Amino acid sequence: GFFTICATINPKIHAQLGLKAGEKAVTTLVM
């Protein structure tokens, strides 16, 4: 959940993930 929060609140990281504007990070699976 912490990384999901990070991807949500930081526009730079959101963009680095290849996500479009308005495309919300929901959850992150570490495996």
mmCIF file of all heavy atoms, coordinates in Angstrom:
data_MODEL
# 
_entry.id   MODEL 
# 
loop_
_atom_site.group_PDB 
_atom_site.id 
_atom_site.type_symbol 
_atom_site.label_atom_id 
_atom_site.label_alt_id 
_atom_site.label_comp_id 
_atom_site.label_asym_id 
_atom_site.label_entity_id 
_atom_site.label_seq_id 
_atom_site.pdbx_PDB_ins_code 
_atom_site.Cartn_x 
_atom_site.Cartn_y 
_atom_site.Cartn_z 
_atom_site.occupancy 
_atom_site.B_iso_or_equiv 
_atom_site.pdbx_formal_charge 
_atom_site.auth_seq_id 
_atom_site.auth_comp_id 
_atom_site.auth_asym_id 
_atom_site.auth_atom_id 
_atom_site.pdbx_PDB_model_num 
ATOM 1   N N   . GLY A 1 1  ? 0.817   -1.207  0.000   1.00 0.00 ? 1  GLY A N   1 
ATOM 2   C CA  . GLY A 1 1  ? 0.000   0.000   0.000   1.00 0.00 ? 1  GLY A CA  1 
ATOM 3   C C   . GLY A 1 1  ? 0.849   1.254   0.000   1.00 0.00 ? 1  GLY A C   1 
ATOM 4   O O   . GLY A 1 1  ? 0.463   2.282   -0.578  1.00 0.00 ? 1  GLY A O   1 
ATOM 5   N N   . PHE A 1 2  ? 2.022   1.185   0.631   1.00 0.00 ? 2  PHE A N   1 
ATOM 6   C CA  . PHE A 1 2  ? 2.892   2.349   0.694   1.00 0.00 ? 2  PHE A CA  1 
ATOM 7   C C   . PHE A 1 2  ? 3.368   2.770   -0.696  1.00 0.00 ? 2  PHE A C   1 
ATOM 8   O O   . PHE A 1 2  ? 3.398   3.951   -1.023  1.00 0.00 ? 2  PHE A O   1 
ATOM 9   C CB  . PHE A 1 2  ? 4.104   2.061   1.589   1.00 0.00 ? 2  PHE A CB  1 
ATOM 10  C CG  . PHE A 1 2  ? 3.774   2.051   3.054   1.00 0.00 ? 2  PHE A CG  1 
ATOM 11  C CD1 . PHE A 1 2  ? 4.311   1.081   3.895   1.00 0.00 ? 2  PHE A CD1 1 
ATOM 12  C CD2 . PHE A 1 2  ? 2.939   3.000   3.606   1.00 0.00 ? 2  PHE A CD2 1 
ATOM 13  C CE1 . PHE A 1 2  ? 4.019   1.057   5.245   1.00 0.00 ? 2  PHE A CE1 1 
ATOM 14  C CE2 . PHE A 1 2  ? 2.634   2.996   4.963   1.00 0.00 ? 2  PHE A CE2 1 
ATOM 15  C CZ  . PHE A 1 2  ? 3.174   2.024   5.783   1.00 0.00 ? 2  PHE A CZ  1 
ATOM 16  N N   . PHE A 1 3  ? 3.748   1.789   -1.541  1.00 0.00 ? 3  PHE A N   1 
ATOM 17  C CA  . PHE A 1 3  ? 4.194   2.174   -2.879  1.00 0.00 ? 3  PHE A CA  1 
ATOM 18  C C   . PHE A 1 3  ? 3.026   2.711   -3.695  1.00 0.00 ? 3  PHE A C   1 
ATOM 19  O O   . PHE A 1 3  ? 3.189   3.638   -4.500  1.00 0.00 ? 3  PHE A O   1 
ATOM 20  C CB  . PHE A 1 3  ? 4.835   1.004   -3.625  1.00 0.00 ? 3  PHE A CB  1 
ATOM 21  C CG  . PHE A 1 3  ? 5.351   1.399   -4.987  1.00 0.00 ? 3  PHE A CG  1 
ATOM 22  C CD1 . PHE A 1 3  ? 6.523   2.119   -5.106  1.00 0.00 ? 3  PHE A CD1 1 
ATOM 23  C CD2 . PHE A 1 3  ? 4.639   1.086   -6.135  1.00 0.00 ? 3  PHE A CD2 1 
ATOM 24  C CE1 . PHE A 1 3  ? 6.987   2.532   -6.361  1.00 0.00 ? 3  PHE A CE1 1 
ATOM 25  C CE2 . PHE A 1 3  ? 5.085   1.478   -7.380  1.00 0.00 ? 3  PHE A CE2 1 
ATOM 26  C CZ  . PHE A 1 3  ? 6.271   2.207   -7.493  1.00 0.00 ? 3  PHE A CZ  1 
ATOM 27  N N   . THR A 1 4  ? 1.837   2.148   -3.499  1.00 0.00 ? 4  THR A N   1 
ATOM 28  C CA  . THR A 1 4  ? 0.658   2.653   -4.200  1.00 0.00 ? 4  THR A CA  1 
ATOM 29  C C   . THR A 1 4  ? 0.390   4.105   -3.822  1.00 0.00 ? 4  THR A C   1 
ATOM 30  O O   . THR A 1 4  ? 0.056   4.931   -4.680  1.00 0.00 ? 4  THR A O   1 
ATOM 31  C CB  . THR A 1 4  ? -0.571  1.785   -3.873  1.00 0.00 ? 4  THR A CB  1 
ATOM 32  O OG1 . THR A 1 4  ? -0.270  0.409   -4.151  1.00 0.00 ? 4  THR A OG1 1 
ATOM 33  C CG2 . THR A 1 4  ? -1.770  2.203   -4.713  1.00 0.00 ? 4  THR A CG2 1 
ATOM 34  N N   . ILE A 1 5  ? 0.549   4.421   -2.547  1.00 0.00 ? 5  ILE A N   1 
ATOM 35  C CA  . ILE A 1 5  ? 0.405   5.812   -2.097  1.00 0.00 ? 5  ILE A CA  1 
ATOM 36  C C   . ILE A 1 5  ? 1.439   6.690   -2.782  1.00 0.00 ? 5  ILE A C   1 
ATOM 37  O O   . ILE A 1 5  ? 1.133   7.788   -3.267  1.00 0.00 ? 5  ILE A O   1 
ATOM 38  C CB  . ILE A 1 5  ? 0.556   5.897   -0.564  1.00 0.00 ? 5  ILE A CB  1 
ATOM 39  C CG1 . ILE A 1 5  ? -0.632  5.234   0.130   1.00 0.00 ? 5  ILE A CG1 1 
ATOM 40  C CG2 . ILE A 1 5  ? 0.677   7.355   -0.108  1.00 0.00 ? 5  ILE A CG2 1 
ATOM 41  C CD1 . ILE A 1 5  ? -0.470  5.090   1.621   1.00 0.00 ? 5  ILE A CD1 1 
ATOM 42  N N   . CYS A 1 6  ? 2.667   6.207   -2.826  1.00 0.00 ? 6  CYS A N   1 
ATOM 43  C CA  . CYS A 1 6  ? 3.748   6.955   -3.448  1.00 0.00 ? 6  CYS A CA  1 
ATOM 44  C C   . CYS A 1 6  ? 3.439   7.250   -4.915  1.00 0.00 ? 6  CYS A C   1 
ATOM 45  O O   . CYS A 1 6  ? 3.625   8.377   -5.397  1.00 0.00 ? 6  CYS A O   1 
ATOM 46  C CB  . CYS A 1 6  ? 5.048   6.157   -3.323  1.00 0.00 ? 6  CYS A CB  1 
ATOM 47  S SG  . CYS A 1 6  ? 6.505   7.008   -3.957  1.00 0.00 ? 6  CYS A SG  1 
ATOM 48  N N   . ALA A 1 7  ? 2.951   6.240   -5.640  1.00 0.00 ? 7  ALA A N   1 
ATOM 49  C CA  . ALA A 1 7  ? 2.617   6.414   -7.052  1.00 0.00 ? 7  ALA A CA  1 
ATOM 50  C C   . ALA A 1 7  ? 1.422   7.341   -7.233  1.00 0.00 ? 7  ALA A C   1 
ATOM 51  O O   . ALA A 1 7  ? 1.259   7.952   -8.296  1.00 0.00 ? 7  ALA A O   1 
ATOM 52  C CB  . ALA A 1 7  ? 2.317   5.053   -7.681  1.00 0.00 ? 7  ALA A CB  1 
ATOM 53  N N   . THR A 1 8  ? 0.601   7.467   -6.207  1.00 0.00 ? 8  THR A N   1 
ATOM 54  C CA  . THR A 1 8  ? -0.593  8.307   -6.282  1.00 0.00 ? 8  THR A CA  1 
ATOM 55  C C   . THR A 1 8  ? -0.275  9.770   -6.027  1.00 0.00 ? 8  THR A C   1 
ATOM 56  O O   . THR A 1 8  ? -0.790  10.660  -6.717  1.00 0.00 ? 8  THR A O   1 
ATOM 57  C CB  . THR A 1 8  ? -1.645  7.829   -5.266  1.00 0.00 ? 8  THR A CB  1 
ATOM 58  O OG1 . THR A 1 8  ? -2.004  6.470   -5.565  1.00 0.00 ? 8  THR A OG1 1 
ATOM 59  C CG2 . THR A 1 8  ? -2.895  8.700   -5.296  1.00 0.00 ? 8  THR A CG2 1 
ATOM 60  N N   . ILE A 1 9  ? 0.593   10.039  -5.051  1.00 0.00 ? 9  ILE A N   1 
ATOM 61  C CA  . ILE A 1 9  ? 0.839   11.429  -4.649  1.00 0.00 ? 9  ILE A CA  1 
ATOM 62  C C   . ILE A 1 9  ? 1.981   12.087  -5.393  1.00 0.00 ? 9  ILE A C   1 
ATOM 63  O O   . ILE A 1 9  ? 2.142   13.307  -5.318  1.00 0.00 ? 9  ILE A O   1 
ATOM 64  C CB  . ILE A 1 9  ? 1.090   11.527  -3.124  1.00 0.00 ? 9  ILE A CB  1 
ATOM 65  C CG1 . ILE A 1 9  ? 2.405   10.823  -2.745  1.00 0.00 ? 9  ILE A CG1 1 
ATOM 66  C CG2 . ILE A 1 9  ? -0.087  10.960  -2.344  1.00 0.00 ? 9  ILE A CG2 1 
ATOM 67  C CD1 . ILE A 1 9  ? 2.751   10.953  -1.262  1.00 0.00 ? 9  ILE A CD1 1 
ATOM 68  N N   . ASN A 1 10 ? 2.765   11.298  -6.129  1.00 0.00 ? 10 ASN A N   1 
ATOM 69  C CA  . ASN A 1 10 ? 3.912   11.866  -6.827  1.00 0.00 ? 10 ASN A CA  1 
ATOM 70  C C   . ASN A 1 10 ? 3.695   11.800  -8.343  1.00 0.00 ? 10 ASN A C   1 
ATOM 71  O O   . ASN A 1 10 ? 3.774   10.725  -8.939  1.00 0.00 ? 10 ASN A O   1 
ATOM 72  C CB  . ASN A 1 10 ? 5.185   11.113  -6.437  1.00 0.00 ? 10 ASN A CB  1 
ATOM 73  C CG  . ASN A 1 10 ? 6.435   11.806  -6.963  1.00 0.00 ? 10 ASN A CG  1 
ATOM 74  O OD1 . ASN A 1 10 ? 6.640   11.897  -8.168  1.00 0.00 ? 10 ASN A OD1 1 
ATOM 75  N ND2 . ASN A 1 10 ? 7.278   12.264  -6.053  1.00 0.00 ? 10 ASN A ND2 1 
ATOM 76  N N   . PRO A 1 11 ? 3.430   12.920  -8.992  1.00 0.00 ? 11 PRO A N   1 
ATOM 77  C CA  . PRO A 1 11 ? 3.162   12.930  -10.436 1.00 0.00 ? 11 PRO A CA  1 
ATOM 78  C C   . PRO A 1 11 ? 4.328   12.389  -11.265 1.00 0.00 ? 11 PRO A C   1 
ATOM 79  O O   . PRO A 1 11 ? 4.102   11.747  -12.303 1.00 0.00 ? 11 PRO A O   1 
ATOM 80  C CB  . PRO A 1 11 ? 2.913   14.410  -10.739 1.00 0.00 ? 11 PRO A CB  1 
ATOM 81  C CG  . PRO A 1 11 ? 2.530   15.021  -9.431  1.00 0.00 ? 11 PRO A CG  1 
ATOM 82  C CD  . PRO A 1 11 ? 3.306   14.259  -8.396  1.00 0.00 ? 11 PRO A CD  1 
ATOM 83  N N   . LYS A 1 12 ? 5.551   12.624  -10.831 1.00 0.00 ? 12 LYS A N   1 
ATOM 84  C CA  . LYS A 1 12 ? 6.721   12.154  -11.583 1.00 0.00 ? 12 LYS A CA  1 
ATOM 85  C C   . LYS A 1 12 ? 6.767   10.630  -11.614 1.00 0.00 ? 12 LYS A C   1 
ATOM 86  O O   . LYS A 1 12 ? 6.986   10.019  -12.669 1.00 0.00 ? 12 LYS A O   1 
ATOM 87  C CB  . LYS A 1 12 ? 7.998   12.700  -10.951 1.00 0.00 ? 12 LYS A CB  1 
ATOM 88  C CG  . LYS A 1 12 ? 9.269   12.249  -11.644 1.00 0.00 ? 12 LYS A CG  1 
ATOM 89  C CD  . LYS A 1 12 ? 10.503  12.796  -10.948 1.00 0.00 ? 12 LYS A CD  1 
ATOM 90  C CE  . LYS A 1 12 ? 11.789  12.267  -11.603 1.00 0.00 ? 12 LYS A CE  1 
ATOM 91  N NZ  . LYS A 1 12 ? 12.994  12.771  -10.901 1.00 0.00 ? 12 LYS A NZ  1 
ATOM 92  N N   . ILE A 1 13 ? 6.545   10.011  -10.467 1.00 0.00 ? 13 ILE A N   1 
ATOM 93  C CA  . ILE A 1 13 ? 6.553   8.551   -10.399 1.00 0.00 ? 13 ILE A CA  1 
ATOM 94  C C   . ILE A 1 13 ? 5.371   7.978   -11.169 1.00 0.00 ? 13 ILE A C   1 
ATOM 95  O O   . ILE A 1 13 ? 5.495   6.976   -11.877 1.00 0.00 ? 13 ILE A O   1 
ATOM 96  C CB  . ILE A 1 13 ? 6.543   8.096   -8.927  1.00 0.00 ? 13 ILE A CB  1 
ATOM 97  C CG1 . ILE A 1 13 ? 7.879   8.456   -8.273  1.00 0.00 ? 13 ILE A CG1 1 
ATOM 98  C CG2 . ILE A 1 13 ? 6.276   6.590   -8.824  1.00 0.00 ? 13 ILE A CG2 1 
ATOM 99  C CD1 . ILE A 1 13 ? 7.917   8.250   -6.788  1.00 0.00 ? 13 ILE A CD1 1 
ATOM 100 N N   . HIS A 1 14 ? 4.221   8.630   -11.065 1.00 0.00 ? 14 HIS A N   1 
ATOM 101 C CA  . HIS A 1 14 ? 3.037   8.211   -11.821 1.00 0.00 ? 14 HIS A CA  1 
ATOM 102 C C   . HIS A 1 14 ? 3.353   8.172   -13.314 1.00 0.00 ? 14 HIS A C   1 
ATOM 103 O O   . HIS A 1 14 ? 3.006   7.215   -14.019 1.00 0.00 ? 14 HIS A O   1 
ATOM 104 C CB  . HIS A 1 14 ? 1.881   9.177   -11.537 1.00 0.00 ? 14 HIS A CB  1 
ATOM 105 C CG  . HIS A 1 14 ? 0.575   8.786   -12.148 1.00 0.00 ? 14 HIS A CG  1 
ATOM 106 N ND1 . HIS A 1 14 ? 0.238   9.085   -13.454 1.00 0.00 ? 14 HIS A ND1 1 
ATOM 107 C CD2 . HIS A 1 14 ? -0.490  8.102   -11.640 1.00 0.00 ? 14 HIS A CD2 1 
ATOM 108 C CE1 . HIS A 1 14 ? -0.957  8.627   -13.723 1.00 0.00 ? 14 HIS A CE1 1 
ATOM 109 N NE2 . HIS A 1 14 ? -1.440  8.028   -12.642 1.00 0.00 ? 14 HIS A NE2 1 
ATOM 110 N N   . ALA A 1 15 ? 4.047   9.191   -13.803 1.00 0.00 ? 15 ALA A N   1 
ATOM 111 C CA  . ALA A 1 15 ? 4.400   9.255   -15.219 1.00 0.00 ? 15 ALA A CA  1 
ATOM 112 C C   . ALA A 1 15 ? 5.441   8.199   -15.583 1.00 0.00 ? 15 ALA A C   1 
ATOM 113 O O   . ALA A 1 15 ? 5.376   7.593   -16.660 1.00 0.00 ? 15 ALA A O   1 
ATOM 114 C CB  . ALA A 1 15 ? 4.912   10.648  -15.562 1.00 0.00 ? 15 ALA A CB  1 
ATOM 115 N N   . GLN A 1 16 ? 6.404   7.965   -14.693 1.00 0.00 ? 16 GLN A N   1 
ATOM 116 C CA  . GLN A 1 16 ? 7.440   6.973   -14.960 1.00 0.00 ? 16 GLN A CA  1 
ATOM 117 C C   . GLN A 1 16 ? 6.856   5.558   -15.073 1.00 0.00 ? 16 GLN A C   1 
ATOM 118 O O   . GLN A 1 16 ? 7.429   4.698   -15.740 1.00 0.00 ? 16 GLN A O   1 
ATOM 119 C CB  . GLN A 1 16 ? 8.492   7.004   -13.848 1.00 0.00 ? 16 GLN A CB  1 
ATOM 120 C CG  . GLN A 1 16 ? 9.426   8.192   -13.927 1.00 0.00 ? 16 GLN A CG  1 
ATOM 121 C CD  . GLN A 1 16 ? 10.424  8.195   -12.782 1.00 0.00 ? 16 GLN A CD  1 
ATOM 122 O OE1 . GLN A 1 16 ? 10.053  8.370   -11.618 1.00 0.00 ? 16 GLN A OE1 1 
ATOM 123 N NE2 . GLN A 1 16 ? 11.679  7.989   -13.096 1.00 0.00 ? 16 GLN A NE2 1 
ATOM 124 N N   . LEU A 1 17 ? 5.728   5.345   -14.434 1.00 0.00 ? 17 LEU A N   1 
ATOM 125 C CA  . LEU A 1 17 ? 5.060   4.048   -14.512 1.00 0.00 ? 17 LEU A CA  1 
ATOM 126 C C   . LEU A 1 17 ? 4.345   3.857   -15.848 1.00 0.00 ? 17 LEU A C   1 
ATOM 127 O O   . LEU A 1 17 ? 3.822   2.771   -16.121 1.00 0.00 ? 17 LEU A O   1 
ATOM 128 C CB  . LEU A 1 17 ? 4.063   3.903   -13.352 1.00 0.00 ? 17 LEU A CB  1 
ATOM 129 C CG  . LEU A 1 17 ? 4.687   3.755   -11.963 1.00 0.00 ? 17 LEU A CG  1 
ATOM 130 C CD1 . LEU A 1 17 ? 3.617   3.958   -10.884 1.00 0.00 ? 17 LEU A CD1 1 
ATOM 131 C CD2 . LEU A 1 17 ? 5.349   2.395   -11.802 1.00 0.00 ? 17 LEU A CD2 1 
ATOM 132 N N   . GLY A 1 18 ? 4.318   4.890   -16.653 1.00 0.00 ? 18 GLY A N   1 
ATOM 133 C CA  . GLY A 1 18 ? 3.665   4.789   -17.954 1.00 0.00 ? 18 GLY A CA  1 
ATOM 134 C C   . GLY A 1 18 ? 2.166   4.966   -17.893 1.00 0.00 ? 18 GLY A C   1 
ATOM 135 O O   . GLY A 1 18 ? 1.461   4.644   -18.858 1.00 0.00 ? 18 GLY A O   1 
ATOM 136 N N   . LEU A 1 19 ? 1.661   5.473   -16.772 1.00 0.00 ? 19 LEU A N   1 
ATOM 137 C CA  . LEU A 1 19 ? 0.229   5.642   -16.610 1.00 0.00 ? 19 LEU A CA  1 
ATOM 138 C C   . LEU A 1 19 ? -0.235  6.955   -17.235 1.00 0.00 ? 19 LEU A C   1 
ATOM 139 O O   . LEU A 1 19 ? 0.477   7.955   -17.205 1.00 0.00 ? 19 LEU A O   1 
ATOM 140 C CB  . LEU A 1 19 ? -0.146  5.614   -15.124 1.00 0.00 ? 19 LEU A CB  1 
ATOM 141 C CG  . LEU A 1 19 ? 0.220   4.333   -14.369 1.00 0.00 ? 19 LEU A CG  1 
ATOM 142 C CD1 . LEU A 1 19 ? -0.123  4.481   -12.893 1.00 0.00 ? 19 LEU A CD1 1 
ATOM 143 C CD2 . LEU A 1 19 ? -0.486  3.129   -14.977 1.00 0.00 ? 19 LEU A CD2 1 
ATOM 144 N N   . LYS A 1 20 ? -1.441  6.927   -17.772 1.00 0.00 ? 20 LYS A N   1 
ATOM 145 C CA  . LYS A 1 20 ? -2.005  8.116   -18.380 1.00 0.00 ? 20 LYS A CA  1 
ATOM 146 C C   . LYS A 1 20 ? -2.555  9.040   -17.298 1.00 0.00 ? 20 LYS A C   1 
ATOM 147 O O   . LYS A 1 20 ? -2.817  8.624   -16.170 1.00 0.00 ? 20 LYS A O   1 
ATOM 148 C CB  . LYS A 1 20 ? -3.122  7.726   -19.355 1.00 0.00 ? 20 LYS A CB  1 
ATOM 149 C CG  . LYS A 1 20 ? -2.665  6.845   -20.498 1.00 0.00 ? 20 LYS A CG  1 
ATOM 150 C CD  . LYS A 1 20 ? -3.846  6.420   -21.353 1.00 0.00 ? 20 LYS A CD  1 
ATOM 151 C CE  . LYS A 1 20 ? -3.420  5.482   -22.467 1.00 0.00 ? 20 LYS A CE  1 
ATOM 152 N NZ  . LYS A 1 20 ? -4.580  5.012   -23.277 1.00 0.00 ? 20 LYS A NZ  1 
ATOM 153 N N   . ALA A 1 21 ? -2.732  10.294  -17.650 1.00 0.00 ? 21 ALA A N   1 
ATOM 154 C CA  . ALA A 1 21 ? -3.335  11.250  -16.721 1.00 0.00 ? 21 ALA A CA  1 
ATOM 155 C C   . ALA A 1 21 ? -4.723  10.762  -16.341 1.00 0.00 ? 21 ALA A C   1 
ATOM 156 O O   . ALA A 1 21 ? -5.520  10.382  -17.204 1.00 0.00 ? 21 ALA A O   1 
ATOM 157 C CB  . ALA A 1 21 ? -3.416  12.623  -17.375 1.00 0.00 ? 21 ALA A CB  1 
ATOM 158 N N   . GLY A 1 22 ? -5.010  10.739  -15.061 1.00 0.00 ? 22 GLY A N   1 
ATOM 159 C CA  . GLY A 1 22 ? -6.307  10.268  -14.586 1.00 0.00 ? 22 GLY A CA  1 
ATOM 160 C C   . GLY A 1 22 ? -6.379  8.775   -14.353 1.00 0.00 ? 22 GLY A C   1 
ATOM 161 O O   . GLY A 1 22 ? -7.361  8.283   -13.793 1.00 0.00 ? 22 GLY A O   1 
ATOM 162 N N   . GLU A 1 23 ? -5.347  8.030   -14.787 1.00 0.00 ? 23 GLU A N   1 
ATOM 163 C CA  . GLU A 1 23 ? -5.321  6.585   -14.561 1.00 0.00 ? 23 GLU A CA  1 
ATOM 164 C C   . GLU A 1 23 ? -4.758  6.323   -13.165 1.00 0.00 ? 23 GLU A C   1 
ATOM 165 O O   . GLU A 1 23 ? -3.591  6.601   -12.897 1.00 0.00 ? 23 GLU A O   1 
ATOM 166 C CB  . GLU A 1 23 ? -4.462  5.897   -15.625 1.00 0.00 ? 23 GLU A CB  1 
ATOM 167 C CG  . GLU A 1 23 ? -4.650  4.392   -15.693 1.00 0.00 ? 23 GLU A CG  1 
ATOM 168 C CD  . GLU A 1 23 ? -3.957  3.775   -16.901 1.00 0.00 ? 23 GLU A CD  1 
ATOM 169 O OE1 . GLU A 1 23 ? -3.121  4.452   -17.534 1.00 0.00 ? 23 GLU A OE1 1 
ATOM 170 O OE2 . GLU A 1 23 ? -4.263  2.611   -17.196 1.00 0.00 ? 23 GLU A OE2 1 
ATOM 171 N N   . LYS A 1 24 ? -5.571  5.807   -12.271 1.00 0.00 ? 24 LYS A N   1 
ATOM 172 C CA  . LYS A 1 24 ? -5.224  5.734   -10.859 1.00 0.00 ? 24 LYS A CA  1 
ATOM 173 C C   . LYS A 1 24 ? -4.500  4.432   -10.494 1.00 0.00 ? 24 LYS A C   1 
ATOM 174 O O   . LYS A 1 24 ? -4.931  3.341   -10.885 1.00 0.00 ? 24 LYS A O   1 
ATOM 175 C CB  . LYS A 1 24 ? -6.481  5.867   -9.999  1.00 0.00 ? 24 LYS A CB  1 
ATOM 176 C CG  . LYS A 1 24 ? -7.179  7.215   -10.152 1.00 0.00 ? 24 LYS A CG  1 
ATOM 177 C CD  . LYS A 1 24 ? -8.417  7.286   -9.270  1.00 0.00 ? 24 LYS A CD  1 
ATOM 178 C CE  . LYS A 1 24 ? -9.106  8.640   -9.420  1.00 0.00 ? 24 LYS A CE  1 
ATOM 179 N NZ  . LYS A 1 24 ? -10.335 8.728   -8.571  1.00 0.00 ? 24 LYS A NZ  1 
ATOM 180 N N   . ALA A 1 25 ? -3.430  4.570   -9.731  1.00 0.00 ? 25 ALA A N   1 
ATOM 181 C CA  . ALA A 1 25 ? -2.776  3.401   -9.155  1.00 0.00 ? 25 ALA A CA  1 
ATOM 182 C C   . ALA A 1 25 ? -3.691  2.838   -8.075  1.00 0.00 ? 25 ALA A C   1 
ATOM 183 O O   . ALA A 1 25 ? -4.157  3.563   -7.200  1.00 0.00 ? 25 ALA A O   1 
ATOM 184 C CB  . ALA A 1 25 ? -1.429  3.791   -8.557  1.00 0.00 ? 25 ALA A CB  1 
ATOM 185 N N   . VAL A 1 26 ? -3.962  1.534   -8.130  1.00 0.00 ? 26 VAL A N   1 
ATOM 186 C CA  . VAL A 1 26 ? -4.914  0.917   -7.200  1.00 0.00 ? 26 VAL A CA  1 
ATOM 187 C C   . VAL A 1 26 ? -4.210  0.057   -6.162  1.00 0.00 ? 26 VAL A C   1 
ATOM 188 O O   . VAL A 1 26 ? -4.468  0.163   -4.966  1.00 0.00 ? 26 VAL A O   1 
ATOM 189 C CB  . VAL A 1 26 ? -5.964  0.085   -7.964  1.00 0.00 ? 26 VAL A CB  1 
ATOM 190 C CG1 . VAL A 1 26 ? -6.874  -0.660  -6.991  1.00 0.00 ? 26 VAL A CG1 1 
ATOM 191 C CG2 . VAL A 1 26 ? -6.785  0.980   -8.878  1.00 0.00 ? 26 VAL A CG2 1 
ATOM 192 N N   . THR A 1 27 ? -3.322  -0.818  -6.600  1.00 0.00 ? 27 THR A N   1 
ATOM 193 C CA  . THR A 1 27 ? -2.635  -1.699  -5.657  1.00 0.00 ? 27 THR A CA  1 
ATOM 194 C C   . THR A 1 27 ? -1.336  -2.188  -6.267  1.00 0.00 ? 27 THR A C   1 
ATOM 195 O O   . THR A 1 27 ? -1.163  -2.170  -7.490  1.00 0.00 ? 27 THR A O   1 
ATOM 196 C CB  . THR A 1 27 ? -3.533  -2.890  -5.260  1.00 0.00 ? 27 THR A CB  1 
ATOM 197 O OG1 . THR A 1 27 ? -2.952  -3.589  -4.160  1.00 0.00 ? 27 THR A OG1 1 
ATOM 198 C CG2 . THR A 1 27 ? -3.714  -3.859  -6.418  1.00 0.00 ? 27 THR A CG2 1 
ATOM 199 N N   . THR A 1 28 ? -0.420  -2.621  -5.412  1.00 0.00 ? 28 THR A N   1 
ATOM 200 C CA  . THR A 1 28 ? 0.886   -3.090  -5.861  1.00 0.00 ? 28 THR A CA  1 
ATOM 201 C C   . THR A 1 28 ? 1.176   -4.449  -5.251  1.00 0.00 ? 28 THR A C   1 
ATOM 202 O O   . THR A 1 28 ? 1.093   -4.615  -4.027  1.00 0.00 ? 28 THR A O   1 
ATOM 203 C CB  . THR A 1 28 ? 1.998   -2.109  -5.453  1.00 0.00 ? 28 THR A CB  1 
ATOM 204 O OG1 . THR A 1 28 ? 1.681   -0.796  -5.935  1.00 0.00 ? 28 THR A OG1 1 
ATOM 205 C CG2 . THR A 1 28 ? 3.347   -2.545  -6.024  1.00 0.00 ? 28 THR A CG2 1 
ATOM 206 N N   . LEU A 1 29 ? 1.505   -5.426  -6.098  1.00 0.00 ? 29 LEU A N   1 
ATOM 207 C CA  . LEU A 1 29 ? 1.844   -6.768  -5.636  1.00 0.00 ? 29 LEU A CA  1 
ATOM 208 C C   . LEU A 1 29 ? 3.356   -6.947  -5.670  1.00 0.00 ? 29 LEU A C   1 
ATOM 209 O O   . LEU A 1 29 ? 3.983   -6.811  -6.719  1.00 0.00 ? 29 LEU A O   1 
ATOM 210 C CB  . LEU A 1 29 ? 1.177   -7.820  -6.527  1.00 0.00 ? 29 LEU A CB  1 
ATOM 211 C CG  . LEU A 1 29 ? -0.355  -7.819  -6.575  1.00 0.00 ? 29 LEU A CG  1 
ATOM 212 C CD1 . LEU A 1 29 ? -0.854  -8.886  -7.536  1.00 0.00 ? 29 LEU A CD1 1 
ATOM 213 C CD2 . LEU A 1 29 ? -0.936  -8.036  -5.187  1.00 0.00 ? 29 LEU A CD2 1 
ATOM 214 N N   . VAL A 1 30 ? 3.909   -7.245  -4.513  1.00 0.00 ? 30 VAL A N   1 
ATOM 215 C CA  . VAL A 1 30 ? 5.344   -7.533  -4.375  1.00 0.00 ? 30 VAL A CA  1 
ATOM 216 C C   . VAL A 1 30 ? 5.465   -9.049  -4.223  1.00 0.00 ? 30 VAL A C   1 
ATOM 217 O O   . VAL A 1 30 ? 4.880   -9.639  -3.310  1.00 0.00 ? 30 VAL A O   1 
ATOM 218 C CB  . VAL A 1 30 ? 5.924   -6.808  -3.144  1.00 0.00 ? 30 VAL A CB  1 
ATOM 219 C CG1 . VAL A 1 30 ? 7.391   -7.148  -2.954  1.00 0.00 ? 30 VAL A CG1 1 
ATOM 220 C CG2 . VAL A 1 30 ? 5.724   -5.297  -3.278  1.00 0.00 ? 30 VAL A CG2 1 
ATOM 221 N N   . MET A 1 31 ? 6.235   -9.694  -5.102  1.00 0.00 ? 31 MET A N   1 
ATOM 222 C CA  . MET A 1 31 ? 6.204   -11.154 -5.153  1.00 0.00 ? 31 MET A CA  1 
ATOM 223 C C   . MET A 1 31 ? 7.595   -11.760 -5.301  1.00 0.00 ? 31 MET A C   1 
ATOM 224 O O   . MET A 1 31 ? 8.484   -11.175 -5.917  1.00 0.00 ? 31 MET A O   1 
ATOM 225 C CB  . MET A 1 31 ? 5.327   -11.609 -6.333  1.00 0.00 ? 31 MET A CB  1 
ATOM 226 C CG  . MET A 1 31 ? 3.863   -11.253 -6.169  1.00 0.00 ? 31 MET A CG  1 
ATOM 227 S SD  . MET A 1 31 ? 2.865   -11.568 -7.662  1.00 0.00 ? 31 MET A SD  1 
ATOM 228 C CE  . MET A 1 31 ? 3.275   -10.108 -8.629  1.00 0.00 ? 31 MET A CE  1 
# 
